[in-house]
């Protein structure tokens, strides 16, 4: 009998803690970049066409093979996007974009210039898109610098690209 009464009192106390409602407040912020410039040099841009299409075989198609350096901080926001590469490719279903990163240099607010480590120079960005004959398909590569660039207190940096593919047409 004593055990049942103890359990009953404990249950009433527990239910009192969780009766009614409370408020949860959740905040989010983006980590500030301690940089004034993030220069990324791409040496190749390719797209991958799916295999088994009626209009020919699949495989990789080079869009650009010339080195281009971009300051990613200057491209912040869709109004500032700029053309990375353009080429005519066979119409069909494509599955991926591949970028080759040659170099990343970070200029910090303290005035230092750091060559970032790039653990994998071949960046694969998955996402299906279709190229239709006679039209232009636009692919916007949205680089999330907050998760891609890690500047360490010891004066080193690591660039592991986190890039989303946004598909449109014009």
C-alpha atoms as a PDB file:
ATOM      1  CA  UNK A   1       0.000   0.000   0.000  1.00  0.00           C
ATOM      2  CA  UNK A   2       2.854   2.386   0.793  1.00  0.00           C
ATOM      3  CA  UNK A   3       4.482   1.653  -2.564  1.00  0.00           C
ATOM      4  CA  UNK A   4       1.276   2.447  -4.481  1.00  0.00           C
ATOM      5  CA  UNK A   5       0.825   5.741  -2.599  1.00  0.00           C
ATOM      6  CA  UNK A   6       4.451   6.727  -3.316  1.00  0.00           C
ATOM      7  CA  UNK A   7       4.064   6.008  -7.000  1.00  0.00           C
ATOM      8  CA  UNK A   8       0.793   7.950  -7.068  1.00  0.00           C
ATOM      9  CA  UNK A   9       2.351  11.020  -5.402  1.00  0.00           C
ATOM     10  CA  UNK A  10       5.391  10.886  -7.690  1.00  0.00           C
ATOM     11  CA  UNK A  11       3.098  10.684 -10.732  1.00  0.00           C
ATOM     12  CA  UNK A  12       1.070  13.694  -9.564  1.00  0.00           C
ATOM     13  CA  UNK A  13       4.269  15.710  -9.026  1.00  0.00           C
ATOM     14  CA  UNK A  14       5.588  14.670 -12.490  1.00  0.00           C
ATOM     15  CA  UNK A  15       2.300  15.582 -14.210  1.00  0.00           C
ATOM     16  CA  UNK A  16       2.349  18.985 -12.494  1.00  0.00           C
ATOM     17  CA  UNK A  17       5.709  19.813 -14.079  1.00  0.00           C
ATOM     18  CA  UNK A  18       4.442  19.103 -17.578  1.00  0.00           C
ATOM     19  CA  UNK A  19       0.833  20.297 -17.322  1.00  0.00           C
ATOM     20  CA  UNK A  20      -0.118  23.423 -19.292  1.00  0.00           C
ATOM     21  CA  UNK A  21       2.195  24.993 -21.854  1.00  0.00           C
ATOM     22  CA  UNK A  22       5.559  26.670 -22.010  1.00  0.00           C
ATOM     23  CA  UNK A  23       7.510  28.618 -24.575  1.00  0.00           C
ATOM     24  CA  UNK A  24      10.491  27.504 -26.535  1.00  0.00           C
ATOM     25  CA  UNK A  25      12.527  30.258 -28.180  1.00  0.00           C
ATOM     26  CA  UNK A  26      14.884  29.201 -30.936  1.00  0.00           C
ATOM     27  CA  UNK A  27      17.417  31.562 -32.468  1.00  0.00           C
ATOM     28  CA  UNK A  28      19.601  31.184 -35.488  1.00  0.00           C
ATOM     29  CA  UNK A  29      22.532  33.176 -36.800  1.00  0.00           C
ATOM     30  CA  UNK A  30      25.217  32.819 -39.383  1.00  0.00           C
ATOM     31  CA  UNK A  31      28.782  32.727 -38.161  1.00  0.00           C
ATOM     32  CA  UNK A  32      30.596  35.862 -39.300  1.00  0.00           C
ATOM     33  CA  UNK A  33      33.415  35.422 -41.757  1.00  0.00           C
ATOM     34  CA  UNK A  34      36.704  36.744 -40.437  1.00  0.00           C
ATOM     35  CA  UNK A  35      37.675  37.472 -44.023  1.00  0.00           C
ATOM     36  CA  UNK A  36      37.731  40.375 -46.410  1.00  0.00           C
ATOM     37  CA  UNK A  37      38.233  38.191 -49.493  1.00  0.00           C
ATOM     38  CA  UNK A  38      37.904  34.495 -50.348  1.00  0.00           C
ATOM     39  CA  UNK A  39      39.548  33.881 -53.718  1.00  0.00           C
ATOM     40  CA  UNK A  40      38.741  30.505 -55.265  1.00  0.00           C
ATOM     41  CA  UNK A  41      40.375  29.366 -58.506  1.00  0.00           C
ATOM     42  CA  UNK A  42      38.409  26.843 -60.567  1.00  0.00           C
ATOM     43  CA  UNK A  43      40.328  25.118 -63.357  1.00  0.00           C
ATOM     44  CA  UNK A  44      37.553  23.005 -64.827  1.00  0.00           C
ATOM     45  CA  UNK A  45      33.745  22.955 -64.928  1.00  0.00           C
ATOM     46  CA  UNK A  46      31.910  19.861 -66.201  1.00  0.00           C
ATOM     47  CA  UNK A  47      28.388  18.466 -66.341  1.00  0.00           C
ATOM     48  CA  UNK A  48      27.436  14.788 -66.329  1.00  0.00           C
ATOM     49  CA  UNK A  49      24.832  13.474 -68.761  1.00  0.00           C
ATOM     50  CA  UNK A  50      22.928  10.385 -67.653  1.00  0.00           C
ATOM     51  CA  UNK A  51      23.526   7.144 -69.556  1.00  0.00           C
ATOM     52  CA  UNK A  52      20.907   5.438 -71.674  1.00  0.00           C
ATOM     53  CA  UNK A  53      19.334   8.522 -73.198  1.00  0.00           C
ATOM     54  CA  UNK A  54      17.807   8.279 -76.659  1.00  0.00           C
ATOM     55  CA  UNK A  55      19.937  11.148 -77.991  1.00  0.00           C
ATOM     56  CA  UNK A  56      23.312   9.494 -77.422  1.00  0.00           C
ATOM     57  CA  UNK A  57      25.546   8.244 -74.698  1.00  0.00           C
ATOM     58  CA  UNK A  58      26.093   9.800 -71.327  1.00  0.00           C
ATOM     59  CA  UNK A  59      29.277  10.972 -69.736  1.00  0.00           C
ATOM     60  CA  UNK A  60      31.130  14.120 -68.769  1.00  0.00           C
ATOM     61  CA  UNK A  61      31.025  17.303 -70.866  1.00  0.00           C
ATOM     62  CA  UNK A  62      33.553  20.064 -70.229  1.00  0.00           C
ATOM     63  CA  UNK A  63      31.958  23.503 -69.939  1.00  0.00           C
ATOM     64  CA  UNK A  64      35.214  25.323 -69.187  1.00  0.00           C
ATOM     65  CA  UNK A  65      38.827  24.268 -68.789  1.00  0.00           C
ATOM     66  CA  UNK A  66      40.395  27.670 -68.262  1.00  0.00           C
ATOM     67  CA  UNK A  67      41.472  28.796 -64.798  1.00  0.00           C
ATOM     68  CA  UNK A  68      39.168  31.440 -63.339  1.00  0.00           C
ATOM     69  CA  UNK A  69      39.524  33.099 -59.946  1.00  0.00           C
ATOM     70  CA  UNK A  70      36.495  34.481 -58.128  1.00  0.00           C
ATOM     71  CA  UNK A  71      36.172  36.386 -54.864  1.00  0.00           C
ATOM     72  CA  UNK A  72      33.240  34.555 -53.306  1.00  0.00           C
ATOM     73  CA  UNK A  73      32.577  37.349 -50.813  1.00  0.00           C
ATOM     74  CA  UNK A  74      31.960  39.738 -53.718  1.00  0.00           C
ATOM     75  CA  UNK A  75      29.335  37.357 -55.114  1.00  0.00           C
ATOM     76  CA  UNK A  76      27.245  37.331 -51.944  1.00  0.00           C
ATOM     77  CA  UNK A  77      23.565  37.455 -52.911  1.00  0.00           C
ATOM     78  CA  UNK A  78      21.745  36.462 -56.084  1.00  0.00           C
ATOM     79  CA  UNK A  79      21.842  40.005 -57.508  1.00  0.00           C
ATOM     80  CA  UNK A  80      25.631  39.733 -57.691  1.00  0.00           C
ATOM     81  CA  UNK A  81      25.840  36.336 -59.394  1.00  0.00           C
ATOM     82  CA  UNK A  82      28.138  36.194 -62.379  1.00  0.00           C
ATOM     83  CA  UNK A  83      28.658  33.787 -65.260  1.00  0.00           C
ATOM     84  CA  UNK A  84      31.188  31.066 -64.424  1.00  0.00           C
ATOM     85  CA  UNK A  85      30.975  29.177 -67.728  1.00  0.00           C
ATOM     86  CA  UNK A  86      28.693  28.498 -70.670  1.00  0.00           C
ATOM     87  CA  UNK A  87      28.773  25.952 -73.499  1.00  0.00           C
ATOM     88  CA  UNK A  88      26.551  24.066 -75.892  1.00  0.00           C
ATOM     89  CA  UNK A  89      26.047  20.442 -74.813  1.00  0.00           C
ATOM     90  CA  UNK A  90      23.819  17.642 -76.089  1.00  0.00           C
ATOM     91  CA  UNK A  91      20.183  17.855 -74.995  1.00  0.00           C
ATOM     92  CA  UNK A  92      19.204  15.348 -72.357  1.00  0.00           C
ATOM     93  CA  UNK A  93      19.015  14.535 -68.671  1.00  0.00           C
ATOM     94  CA  UNK A  94      22.014  15.490 -66.539  1.00  0.00           C
ATOM     95  CA  UNK A  95      22.758  14.419 -62.996  1.00  0.00           C
ATOM     96  CA  UNK A  96      25.741  16.330 -61.678  1.00  0.00           C
ATOM     97  CA  UNK A  97      28.136  19.269 -61.920  1.00  0.00           C
ATOM     98  CA  UNK A  98      31.826  18.851 -61.183  1.00  0.00           C
ATOM     99  CA  UNK A  99      34.205  21.678 -60.342  1.00  0.00           C
ATOM    100  CA  UNK A 100      37.957  21.377 -60.014  1.00  0.00           C
ATOM    101  CA  UNK A 101      39.343  23.703 -57.355  1.00  0.00           C
ATOM    102  CA  UNK A 102      42.993  24.608 -57.832  1.00  0.00           C
ATOM    103  CA  UNK A 103      43.538  27.138 -55.087  1.00  0.00           C
ATOM    104  CA  UNK A 104      41.765  29.023 -52.285  1.00  0.00           C
ATOM    105  CA  UNK A 105      43.301  32.133 -50.736  1.00  0.00           C
ATOM    106  CA  UNK A 106      41.700  33.843 -47.763  1.00  0.00           C
ATOM    107  CA  UNK A 107      42.436  37.448 -46.808  1.00  0.00           C
ATOM    108  CA  UNK A 108      41.552  37.980 -43.144  1.00  0.00           C
ATOM    109  CA  UNK A 109      40.361  41.147 -41.430  1.00  0.00           C
ATOM    110  CA  UNK A 110      43.670  41.098 -39.524  1.00  0.00           C
ATOM    111  CA  UNK A 111      45.510  41.563 -42.825  1.00  0.00           C
ATOM    112  CA  UNK A 112      46.862  38.029 -43.218  1.00  0.00           C
ATOM    113  CA  UNK A 113      46.671  36.116 -46.485  1.00  0.00           C
ATOM    114  CA  UNK A 114      46.170  32.364 -45.969  1.00  0.00           C
ATOM    115  CA  UNK A 115      46.319  29.654 -48.600  1.00  0.00           C
ATOM    116  CA  UNK A 116      43.568  27.285 -47.527  1.00  0.00           C
ATOM    117  CA  UNK A 117      43.901  23.541 -47.591  1.00  0.00           C
ATOM    118  CA  UNK A 118      41.513  21.934 -50.083  1.00  0.00           C
ATOM    119  CA  UNK A 119      41.150  18.275 -49.018  1.00  0.00           C
ATOM    120  CA  UNK A 120      39.452  17.274 -52.277  1.00  0.00           C
ATOM    121  CA  UNK A 121      40.004  19.377 -55.381  1.00  0.00           C
ATOM    122  CA  UNK A 122      37.196  17.615 -57.258  1.00  0.00           C
ATOM    123  CA  UNK A 123      33.834  18.952 -56.085  1.00  0.00           C
ATOM    124  CA  UNK A 124      30.712  17.016 -57.103  1.00  0.00           C
ATOM    125  CA  UNK A 125      27.380  18.807 -56.900  1.00  0.00           C
ATOM    126  CA  UNK A 126      24.498  16.415 -57.387  1.00  0.00           C
ATOM    127  CA  UNK A 127      21.136  17.468 -58.679  1.00  0.00           C
ATOM    128  CA  UNK A 128      19.171  16.510 -61.750  1.00  0.00           C
ATOM    129  CA  UNK A 129      18.577  18.975 -64.553  1.00  0.00           C
ATOM    130  CA  UNK A 130      17.525  18.792 -68.177  1.00  0.00           C
ATOM    131  CA  UNK A 131      19.040  20.476 -71.195  1.00  0.00           C
ATOM    132  CA  UNK A 132      16.347  21.116 -73.798  1.00  0.00           C
ATOM    133  CA  UNK A 133      17.265  21.621 -77.448  1.00  0.00           C
ATOM    134  CA  UNK A 134      17.143  25.279 -78.468  1.00  0.00           C
ATOM    135  CA  UNK A 135      16.903  26.722 -74.951  1.00  0.00           C
ATOM    136  CA  UNK A 136      19.234  27.751 -72.152  1.00  0.00           C
ATOM    137  CA  UNK A 137      19.206  26.012 -68.796  1.00  0.00           C
ATOM    138  CA  UNK A 138      20.739  28.107 -66.041  1.00  0.00           C
ATOM    139  CA  UNK A 139      22.568  26.498 -63.164  1.00  0.00           C
ATOM    140  CA  UNK A 140      23.392  28.646 -60.181  1.00  0.00           C
ATOM    141  CA  UNK A 141      25.991  27.325 -57.771  1.00  0.00           C
ATOM    142  CA  UNK A 142      25.157  28.624 -54.314  1.00  0.00           C
ATOM    143  CA  UNK A 143      28.277  28.354 -52.132  1.00  0.00           C
ATOM    144  CA  UNK A 144      27.610  28.349 -48.393  1.00  0.00           C
ATOM    145  CA  UNK A 145      30.789  29.950 -47.060  1.00  0.00           C
ATOM    146  CA  UNK A 146      29.650  29.547 -43.461  1.00  0.00           C
ATOM    147  CA  UNK A 147      29.973  25.773 -43.735  1.00  0.00           C
ATOM    148  CA  UNK A 148      32.588  25.602 -46.515  1.00  0.00           C
ATOM    149  CA  UNK A 149      35.394  27.707 -45.088  1.00  0.00           C
ATOM    150  CA  UNK A 150      36.997  27.032 -41.732  1.00  0.00           C
ATOM    151  CA  UNK A 151      39.544  29.636 -40.631  1.00  0.00           C
ATOM    152  CA  UNK A 152      41.401  28.396 -37.584  1.00  0.00           C
ATOM    153  CA  UNK A 153      42.930  30.419 -34.747  1.00  0.00           C
ATOM    154  CA  UNK A 154      46.380  29.026 -35.600  1.00  0.00           C
ATOM    155  CA  UNK A 155      46.405  30.872 -38.943  1.00  0.00           C
ATOM    156  CA  UNK A 156      45.356  27.964 -41.148  1.00  0.00           C
ATOM    157  CA  UNK A 157      42.212  27.503 -43.207  1.00  0.00           C
ATOM    158  CA  UNK A 158      40.381  24.575 -44.761  1.00  0.00           C
ATOM    159  CA  UNK A 159      37.963  24.842 -47.701  1.00  0.00           C
ATOM    160  CA  UNK A 160      35.475  21.962 -47.998  1.00  0.00           C
ATOM    161  CA  UNK A 161      32.859  23.288 -50.423  1.00  0.00           C
ATOM    162  CA  UNK A 162      29.209  23.038 -49.485  1.00  0.00           C
ATOM    163  CA  UNK A 163      27.462  24.019 -52.718  1.00  0.00           C
ATOM    164  CA  UNK A 164      23.784  23.824 -53.639  1.00  0.00           C
ATOM    165  CA  UNK A 165      22.622  23.590 -57.250  1.00  0.00           C
ATOM    166  CA  UNK A 166      19.711  25.836 -58.248  1.00  0.00           C
ATOM    167  CA  UNK A 167      18.208  25.025 -61.651  1.00  0.00           C
ATOM    168  CA  UNK A 168      16.335  27.502 -63.865  1.00  0.00           C
ATOM    169  CA  UNK A 169      15.838  28.327 -67.521  1.00  0.00           C
ATOM    170  CA  UNK A 170      15.961  31.445 -69.689  1.00  0.00           C
END
